[in-house]
Amino acid sequence: MATAPFDVLVGILRIAFVGLLYLFLLQVMRVLTKQVRVPEVAPMEPEELEPEGRLVIVDPGKSSIAQGAVLPLQPVNPIGRRAENAIVLDDEFVSGEHALLAWRDEKWWLSDVASTNGTFINGVEIQEPTVVAKGDVLTFGRIKAKLL
């Protein structure tokens, strides 16, 4: 009968071990659920709203883009012949990375990105980031697009 207290002690230790194991798993789950929770997003202020804008193709040149095609704009729009650009223009006079049209300080800004044939606003070549107004005609290679 001397083994009975020992068996009881082993049983209690097993139950305690299982309890500790469950407690550990519970703590792991709490940590994981805290990290997975999506933080609440504060409502956007009017000046933080994404811009509305689009380019309408006025003259497609010799590209496959149809005249009148509408190209929606993102806050940042790399423009060029390469497929990874936000706006892909398949004209041989458009560089792989031709220009960048970006929304900054509540205005559209157009920058030439070392293109071979230049970037133009209303027929004037730009050398530095320039503000673009709605209704301006932008020229990339032989393609002309109006900002709306």
N, C-alpha and C. Protein backbone atom coordinates (compact mmCIF):
# COMPACT_ATOMS: atom_id res chain seq x y z
N MET A 1 0.80 -1.19 0.00
CA MET A 1 0.00 0.00 0.00
C MET A 1 0.84 1.26 0.00
N ALA A 2 2.13 1.06 0.05
CA ALA A 2 3.01 2.23 0.05
C ALA A 2 3.01 2.91 -1.31
N THR A 3 2.61 2.22 -2.35
CA THR A 3 2.62 2.81 -3.68
C THR A 3 1.38 3.67 -3.95
N ALA A 4 0.34 3.52 -3.15
CA ALA A 4 -0.88 4.29 -3.36
C ALA A 4 -0.64 5.80 -3.26
N PRO A 5 0.06 6.32 -2.22
CA PRO A 5 0.30 7.76 -2.19
C PRO A 5 1.18 8.21 -3.36
N PHE A 6 2.11 7.33 -3.76
CA PHE A 6 2.96 7.68 -4.91
C PHE A 6 2.13 7.77 -6.19
N ASP A 7 1.21 6.82 -6.39
CA ASP A 7 0.34 6.83 -7.56
C ASP A 7 -0.57 8.06 -7.57
N VAL A 8 -1.04 8.45 -6.40
CA VAL A 8 -1.88 9.66 -6.30
C VAL A 8 -1.05 10.88 -6.68
N LEU A 9 0.18 10.93 -6.19
CA LEU A 9 1.06 12.06 -6.50
C LEU A 9 1.36 12.13 -7.99
N VAL A 10 1.62 11.01 -8.63
CA VAL A 10 1.86 10.97 -10.08
C VAL A 10 0.61 11.42 -10.82
N GLY A 11 -0.55 10.98 -10.38
CA GLY A 11 -1.81 11.40 -11.02
C GLY A 11 -2.02 12.90 -10.90
N ILE A 12 -1.75 13.44 -9.73
CA ILE A 12 -1.90 14.90 -9.53
C ILE A 12 -0.90 15.65 -10.40
N LEU A 13 0.33 15.15 -10.49
CA LEU A 13 1.34 15.80 -11.34
C LEU A 13 0.95 15.76 -12.81
N ARG A 14 0.38 14.65 -13.25
CA ARG A 14 -0.09 14.55 -14.65
C ARG A 14 -1.18 15.57 -14.91
N ILE A 15 -2.15 15.66 -14.01
CA ILE A 15 -3.25 16.63 -14.18
C ILE A 15 -2.70 18.05 -14.16
N ALA A 16 -1.75 18.32 -13.28
CA ALA A 16 -1.15 19.66 -13.22
C ALA A 16 -0.39 19.96 -14.51
N PHE A 17 0.33 18.96 -15.04
CA PHE A 17 1.06 19.15 -16.29
C PHE A 17 0.11 19.45 -17.45
N VAL A 18 -0.96 18.71 -17.56
CA VAL A 18 -1.95 18.95 -18.62
C VAL A 18 -2.58 20.33 -18.45
N GLY A 19 -2.87 20.71 -17.20
CA GLY A 19 -3.42 22.05 -16.94
C GLY A 19 -2.45 23.14 -17.36
N LEU A 20 -1.17 22.97 -17.03
CA LEU A 20 -0.16 23.95 -17.44
C LEU A 20 -0.01 24.00 -18.96
N LEU A 21 -0.10 22.85 -19.58
CA LEU A 21 -0.02 22.81 -21.05
C LEU A 21 -1.17 23.58 -21.67
N TYR A 22 -2.39 23.38 -21.17
CA TYR A 22 -3.54 24.12 -21.68
C TYR A 22 -3.40 25.62 -21.40
N LEU A 23 -2.89 26.00 -20.25
CA LEU A 23 -2.67 27.40 -19.92
C LEU A 23 -1.66 28.03 -20.88
N PHE A 24 -0.60 27.29 -21.18
CA PHE A 24 0.40 27.77 -22.13
C PHE A 24 -0.22 27.98 -23.51
N LEU A 25 -1.00 27.01 -23.97
CA LEU A 25 -1.65 27.13 -25.28
C LEU A 25 -2.64 28.29 -25.30
N LEU A 26 -3.33 28.52 -24.20
CA LEU A 26 -4.25 29.65 -24.11
C LEU A 26 -3.49 30.97 -24.25
N GLN A 27 -2.35 31.08 -23.59
CA GLN A 27 -1.54 32.30 -23.68
C GLN A 27 -1.02 32.51 -25.10
N VAL A 28 -0.60 31.44 -25.76
CA VAL A 28 -0.13 31.54 -27.14
C VAL A 28 -1.26 32.04 -28.03
N MET A 29 -2.46 31.52 -27.86
CA MET A 29 -3.61 31.96 -28.66
C MET A 29 -3.93 33.43 -28.41
N ARG A 30 -3.83 33.88 -27.16
CA ARG A 30 -4.09 35.29 -26.85
C ARG A 30 -3.10 36.20 -27.56
N VAL A 31 -1.83 35.83 -27.55
CA VAL A 31 -0.80 36.63 -28.21
C VAL A 31 -1.05 36.66 -29.71
N LEU A 32 -1.35 35.50 -30.30
CA LEU A 32 -1.58 35.45 -31.74
C LEU A 32 -2.80 36.26 -32.15
N THR A 33 -3.87 36.20 -31.37
CA THR A 33 -5.07 36.96 -31.75
C THR A 33 -4.84 38.46 -31.60
N LYS A 34 -4.01 38.87 -30.65
CA LYS A 34 -3.69 40.30 -30.54
C LYS A 34 -2.92 40.77 -31.75
N GLN A 35 -1.99 39.96 -32.25
CA GLN A 35 -1.17 40.34 -33.39
C GLN A 35 -1.95 40.29 -34.70
N VAL A 36 -2.95 39.44 -34.78
CA VAL A 36 -3.71 39.28 -36.01
C VAL A 36 -4.80 40.33 -36.15
N ARG A 37 -5.25 40.89 -35.06
CA ARG A 37 -6.33 41.87 -35.13
C ARG A 37 -5.94 43.04 -36.03
N VAL A 38 -6.88 43.45 -36.85
CA VAL A 38 -6.65 44.59 -37.74
C VAL A 38 -6.95 45.86 -36.96
N PRO A 39 -6.00 46.80 -36.95
CA PRO A 39 -6.27 48.03 -36.21
C PRO A 39 -7.37 48.83 -36.88
N GLU A 40 -8.12 49.54 -36.07
CA GLU A 40 -9.18 50.37 -36.63
C GLU A 40 -8.55 51.52 -37.40
N VAL A 41 -9.12 51.80 -38.56
CA VAL A 41 -8.61 52.87 -39.40
C VAL A 41 -9.41 54.12 -39.09
N ALA A 42 -8.70 55.19 -38.80
CA ALA A 42 -9.37 56.46 -38.53
C ALA A 42 -9.99 56.98 -39.82
N PRO A 43 -11.12 57.66 -39.73
CA PRO A 43 -11.72 58.21 -40.94
C PRO A 43 -10.75 59.19 -41.60
N MET A 44 -10.73 59.16 -42.92
CA MET A 44 -9.81 60.01 -43.66
C MET A 44 -10.30 61.45 -43.66
N GLU A 45 -9.37 62.33 -43.48
CA GLU A 45 -9.68 63.75 -43.58
C GLU A 45 -9.86 64.09 -45.06
N PRO A 46 -10.61 65.13 -45.38
CA PRO A 46 -10.83 65.46 -46.79
C PRO A 46 -9.53 65.65 -47.58
N GLU A 47 -8.48 66.22 -46.96
CA GLU A 47 -7.25 66.42 -47.70
C GLU A 47 -6.47 65.12 -47.91
N GLU A 48 -6.85 64.05 -47.17
CA GLU A 48 -6.17 62.78 -47.32
C GLU A 48 -6.85 61.89 -48.36
N LEU A 49 -7.99 62.28 -48.86
CA LEU A 49 -8.70 61.44 -49.81
C LEU A 49 -7.88 61.28 -51.07
N GLU A 50 -7.99 60.11 -51.66
CA GLU A 50 -7.26 59.86 -52.89
C GLU A 50 -7.83 60.72 -54.00
N PRO A 51 -6.97 61.10 -54.92
CA PRO A 51 -7.40 61.99 -55.99
C PRO A 51 -8.30 61.28 -56.98
N GLU A 52 -9.14 62.05 -57.59
CA GLU A 52 -9.91 61.53 -58.71
C GLU A 52 -9.29 62.11 -59.96
N GLY A 53 -9.01 61.28 -60.89
CA GLY A 53 -8.42 61.76 -62.13
C GLY A 53 -8.33 60.65 -63.13
N ARG A 54 -8.22 61.06 -64.37
CA ARG A 54 -8.05 60.08 -65.45
C ARG A 54 -7.41 60.77 -66.63
N LEU A 55 -6.75 59.99 -67.43
CA LEU A 55 -6.20 60.48 -68.69
C LEU A 55 -7.08 59.96 -69.81
N VAL A 56 -7.42 60.84 -70.74
CA VAL A 56 -8.19 60.44 -71.91
C VAL A 56 -7.27 60.60 -73.11
N ILE A 57 -7.14 59.55 -73.89
CA ILE A 57 -6.25 59.58 -75.05
C ILE A 57 -6.87 60.45 -76.14
N VAL A 58 -6.16 61.53 -76.47
CA VAL A 58 -6.61 62.47 -77.50
C VAL A 58 -6.06 62.06 -78.85
N ASP A 59 -4.77 61.67 -78.88
CA ASP A 59 -4.12 61.22 -80.11
C ASP A 59 -3.25 60.01 -79.75
N PRO A 60 -3.64 58.81 -80.21
CA PRO A 60 -2.89 57.62 -79.85
C PRO A 60 -1.58 57.44 -80.63
N GLY A 61 -1.29 58.33 -81.58
CA GLY A 61 -0.08 58.16 -82.39
C GLY A 61 -0.16 56.85 -83.14
N LYS A 62 0.91 56.06 -83.07
CA LYS A 62 0.93 54.76 -83.74
C LYS A 62 0.86 53.61 -82.74
N SER A 63 0.25 53.89 -81.59
CA SER A 63 0.11 52.85 -80.56
C SER A 63 -1.17 52.06 -80.80
N SER A 64 -1.36 51.01 -80.02
CA SER A 64 -2.57 50.20 -80.13
C SER A 64 -3.70 50.72 -79.25
N ILE A 65 -3.45 51.82 -78.54
CA ILE A 65 -4.47 52.40 -77.67
C ILE A 65 -5.49 53.14 -78.54
N ALA A 66 -6.76 52.97 -78.23
CA ALA A 66 -7.81 53.61 -79.02
C ALA A 66 -7.95 55.08 -78.62
N GLN A 67 -8.25 55.90 -79.59
CA GLN A 67 -8.53 57.31 -79.30
C GLN A 67 -9.78 57.36 -78.43
N GLY A 68 -9.73 58.18 -77.38
CA GLY A 68 -10.84 58.30 -76.45
C GLY A 68 -10.76 57.31 -75.30
N ALA A 69 -9.75 56.43 -75.30
CA ALA A 69 -9.59 55.48 -74.21
C ALA A 69 -9.37 56.24 -72.90
N VAL A 70 -10.00 55.76 -71.84
CA VAL A 70 -9.89 56.40 -70.53
C VAL A 70 -8.96 55.57 -69.64
N LEU A 71 -7.93 56.22 -69.09
CA LEU A 71 -6.97 55.56 -68.22
C LEU A 71 -7.13 56.11 -66.81
N PRO A 72 -7.68 55.32 -65.87
CA PRO A 72 -7.85 55.81 -64.50
C PRO A 72 -6.49 56.03 -63.84
N LEU A 73 -6.43 56.99 -62.92
CA LEU A 73 -5.18 57.33 -62.26
C LEU A 73 -5.16 56.89 -60.81
N GLN A 74 -4.00 56.50 -60.35
CA GLN A 74 -3.71 56.19 -58.96
C GLN A 74 -3.01 57.40 -58.36
N PRO A 75 -2.73 57.42 -57.06
CA PRO A 75 -1.97 58.54 -56.51
C PRO A 75 -0.57 58.68 -57.13
N VAL A 76 0.04 57.55 -57.51
CA VAL A 76 1.35 57.58 -58.18
C VAL A 76 1.24 56.72 -59.44
N ASN A 77 1.61 57.32 -60.60
CA ASN A 77 1.45 56.65 -61.87
C ASN A 77 2.73 56.67 -62.69
N PRO A 78 3.56 55.63 -62.61
CA PRO A 78 4.68 55.55 -63.52
C PRO A 78 4.14 55.31 -64.93
N ILE A 79 4.68 56.02 -65.90
CA ILE A 79 4.19 55.95 -67.27
C ILE A 79 5.36 55.52 -68.16
N GLY A 80 5.11 54.57 -69.05
CA GLY A 80 6.15 54.14 -69.97
C GLY A 80 5.75 52.91 -70.74
N ARG A 81 6.72 52.37 -71.45
CA ARG A 81 6.46 51.23 -72.32
C ARG A 81 6.54 49.90 -71.57
N ARG A 82 7.23 49.85 -70.45
CA ARG A 82 7.39 48.60 -69.71
C ARG A 82 6.07 48.16 -69.06
N ALA A 83 5.88 46.87 -68.96
CA ALA A 83 4.64 46.30 -68.43
C ALA A 83 4.42 46.61 -66.96
N GLU A 84 5.48 46.86 -66.19
CA GLU A 84 5.30 47.12 -64.76
C GLU A 84 4.84 48.55 -64.45
N ASN A 85 4.74 49.40 -65.45
CA ASN A 85 4.24 50.76 -65.23
C ASN A 85 2.73 50.73 -64.97
N ALA A 86 2.25 51.71 -64.21
CA ALA A 86 0.80 51.81 -63.95
C ALA A 86 0.07 52.16 -65.25
N ILE A 87 0.69 52.98 -66.07
CA ILE A 87 0.12 53.34 -67.37
C ILE A 87 1.12 52.90 -68.44
N VAL A 88 0.73 51.89 -69.20
CA VAL A 88 1.60 51.33 -70.24
C VAL A 88 1.19 51.91 -71.59
N LEU A 89 2.16 52.56 -72.26
CA LEU A 89 1.94 53.16 -73.58
C LEU A 89 2.87 52.45 -74.57
N ASP A 90 2.29 51.74 -75.51
CA ASP A 90 3.08 50.93 -76.44
C ASP A 90 3.45 51.67 -77.72
N ASP A 91 4.05 52.83 -77.57
CA ASP A 91 4.53 53.62 -78.71
C ASP A 91 6.04 53.53 -78.71
N GLU A 92 6.65 53.34 -79.89
CA GLU A 92 8.11 53.18 -79.96
C GLU A 92 8.86 54.44 -79.54
N PHE A 93 8.21 55.59 -79.49
CA PHE A 93 8.85 56.83 -79.06
C PHE A 93 8.69 57.08 -77.55
N VAL A 94 8.02 56.17 -76.86
CA VAL A 94 7.88 56.24 -75.40
C VAL A 94 8.96 55.36 -74.79
N SER A 95 9.68 55.91 -73.81
CA SER A 95 10.74 55.16 -73.13
C SER A 95 10.14 54.11 -72.21
N GLY A 96 10.96 53.14 -71.80
CA GLY A 96 10.51 52.10 -70.87
C GLY A 96 10.00 52.71 -69.58
N GLU A 97 10.74 53.66 -69.05
CA GLU A 97 10.32 54.45 -67.90
C GLU A 97 10.34 55.89 -68.38
N HIS A 98 9.22 56.41 -68.76
CA HIS A 98 9.16 57.70 -69.45
C HIS A 98 8.88 58.87 -68.51
N ALA A 99 7.81 58.76 -67.72
CA ALA A 99 7.38 59.88 -66.88
C ALA A 99 6.71 59.37 -65.62
N LEU A 100 6.46 60.29 -64.72
CA LEU A 100 5.76 59.96 -63.47
C LEU A 100 4.71 61.04 -63.23
N LEU A 101 3.46 60.63 -63.08
CA LEU A 101 2.36 61.53 -62.78
C LEU A 101 1.90 61.19 -61.37
N ALA A 102 2.02 62.14 -60.44
CA ALA A 102 1.72 61.86 -59.03
C ALA A 102 0.88 62.96 -58.41
N TRP A 103 0.02 62.56 -57.46
CA TRP A 103 -0.83 63.48 -56.70
C TRP A 103 -0.07 63.86 -55.45
N ARG A 104 0.24 65.15 -55.31
CA ARG A 104 0.99 65.63 -54.16
C ARG A 104 0.52 67.03 -53.84
N ASP A 105 0.30 67.33 -52.58
CA ASP A 105 -0.14 68.65 -52.13
C ASP A 105 -1.41 69.09 -52.86
N GLU A 106 -2.32 68.12 -53.05
CA GLU A 106 -3.62 68.35 -53.70
C GLU A 106 -3.49 68.85 -55.13
N LYS A 107 -2.40 68.46 -55.81
CA LYS A 107 -2.18 68.82 -57.21
C LYS A 107 -1.56 67.63 -57.93
N TRP A 108 -1.77 67.58 -59.23
CA TRP A 108 -1.09 66.59 -60.06
C TRP A 108 0.26 67.17 -60.46
N TRP A 109 1.31 66.37 -60.34
CA TRP A 109 2.65 66.76 -60.72
C TRP A 109 3.15 65.77 -61.77
N LEU A 110 3.75 66.30 -62.84
CA LEU A 110 4.31 65.46 -63.90
C LEU A 110 5.81 65.65 -63.92
N SER A 111 6.53 64.54 -63.93
CA SER A 111 7.99 64.56 -63.99
C SER A 111 8.44 63.70 -65.15
N ASP A 112 9.44 64.17 -65.87
CA ASP A 112 10.08 63.36 -66.90
C ASP A 112 11.12 62.50 -66.20
N VAL A 113 11.14 61.21 -66.54
CA VAL A 113 12.07 60.29 -65.89
C VAL A 113 13.18 59.92 -66.89
N ALA A 114 13.94 60.92 -67.29
CA ALA A 114 15.07 60.73 -68.22
C ALA A 114 14.63 60.02 -69.50
N SER A 115 13.50 60.42 -70.05
CA SER A 115 13.03 59.82 -71.29
C SER A 115 13.90 60.31 -72.45
N THR A 116 13.91 59.53 -73.51
CA THR A 116 14.71 59.88 -74.68
C THR A 116 14.07 61.03 -75.46
N ASN A 117 12.76 61.01 -75.60
CA ASN A 117 12.07 61.99 -76.45
C ASN A 117 11.36 63.10 -75.69
N GLY A 118 11.50 63.13 -74.38
CA GLY A 118 10.93 64.22 -73.60
C GLY A 118 9.46 64.02 -73.26
N THR A 119 9.02 64.81 -72.28
CA THR A 119 7.63 64.82 -71.82
C THR A 119 7.14 66.25 -71.94
N PHE A 120 5.92 66.44 -72.44
CA PHE A 120 5.42 67.77 -72.74
C PHE A 120 4.07 68.01 -72.07
N ILE A 121 3.85 69.25 -71.64
CA ILE A 121 2.54 69.70 -71.16
C ILE A 121 2.12 70.84 -72.09
N ASN A 122 1.01 70.64 -72.77
CA ASN A 122 0.49 71.63 -73.72
C ASN A 122 1.56 72.07 -74.72
N GLY A 123 2.36 71.09 -75.19
CA GLY A 123 3.37 71.37 -76.20
C GLY A 123 4.68 71.92 -75.68
N VAL A 124 4.80 72.15 -74.39
CA VAL A 124 6.03 72.69 -73.80
C VAL A 124 6.76 71.56 -73.05
N GLU A 125 8.02 71.34 -73.41
CA GLU A 125 8.79 70.28 -72.76
C GLU A 125 9.09 70.65 -71.32
N ILE A 126 8.94 69.68 -70.42
CA ILE A 126 9.23 69.94 -69.01
C ILE A 126 10.61 69.39 -68.66
N GLN A 127 11.30 70.09 -67.78
CA GLN A 127 12.64 69.69 -67.34
C GLN A 127 12.65 69.28 -65.87
N GLU A 128 11.65 69.73 -65.13
CA GLU A 128 11.56 69.44 -63.70
C GLU A 128 10.10 69.15 -63.37
N PRO A 129 9.83 68.59 -62.17
CA PRO A 129 8.43 68.32 -61.81
C PRO A 129 7.58 69.58 -61.97
N THR A 130 6.46 69.41 -62.67
CA THR A 130 5.60 70.53 -63.02
C THR A 130 4.16 70.21 -62.68
N VAL A 131 3.45 71.22 -62.17
CA VAL A 131 2.04 71.05 -61.83
C VAL A 131 1.23 70.93 -63.13
N VAL A 132 0.29 70.00 -63.13
CA VAL A 132 -0.59 69.78 -64.27
C VAL A 132 -2.01 70.09 -63.85
N ALA A 133 -2.71 70.89 -64.64
CA ALA A 133 -4.10 71.25 -64.35
C ALA A 133 -5.03 70.37 -65.18
N LYS A 134 -6.25 70.23 -64.67
CA LYS A 134 -7.25 69.48 -65.45
C LYS A 134 -7.46 70.20 -66.78
N GLY A 135 -7.50 69.42 -67.84
CA GLY A 135 -7.66 69.97 -69.18
C GLY A 135 -6.34 70.09 -69.93
N ASP A 136 -5.20 69.99 -69.23
CA ASP A 136 -3.91 70.05 -69.91
C ASP A 136 -3.70 68.80 -70.75
N VAL A 137 -3.00 69.00 -71.88
CA VAL A 137 -2.68 67.88 -72.77
C VAL A 137 -1.23 67.47 -72.51
N LEU A 138 -1.05 66.20 -72.17
CA LEU A 138 0.27 65.65 -71.88
C LEU A 138 0.73 64.82 -73.07
N THR A 139 2.00 64.97 -73.45
CA THR A 139 2.52 64.24 -74.59
C THR A 139 3.67 63.34 -74.14
N PHE A 140 3.54 62.07 -74.48
CA PHE A 140 4.56 61.06 -74.20
C PHE A 140 4.87 60.40 -75.54
N GLY A 141 6.04 60.63 -76.09
CA GLY A 141 6.34 60.11 -77.43
C GLY A 141 5.39 60.76 -78.42
N ARG A 142 4.64 59.93 -79.14
CA ARG A 142 3.65 60.48 -80.08
C ARG A 142 2.23 60.42 -79.53
N ILE A 143 2.09 60.01 -78.28
CA ILE A 143 0.77 59.86 -77.68
C ILE A 143 0.42 61.12 -76.91
N LYS A 144 -0.79 61.63 -77.13
CA LYS A 144 -1.29 62.80 -76.41
C LYS A 144 -2.49 62.39 -75.59
N ALA A 145 -2.48 62.82 -74.32
CA ALA A 145 -3.58 62.48 -73.41
C ALA A 145 -3.97 63.73 -72.63
N LYS A 146 -5.27 63.87 -72.39
CA LYS A 146 -5.78 65.02 -71.64
C LYS A 146 -6.07 64.59 -70.22
N LEU A 147 -5.66 65.40 -69.25
CA LEU A 147 -5.94 65.13 -67.85
C LEU A 147 -7.34 65.65 -67.52
N LEU A 148 -8.17 64.75 -67.03
CA LEU A 148 -9.53 65.13 -66.60
C LEU A 148 -9.75 64.77 -65.17
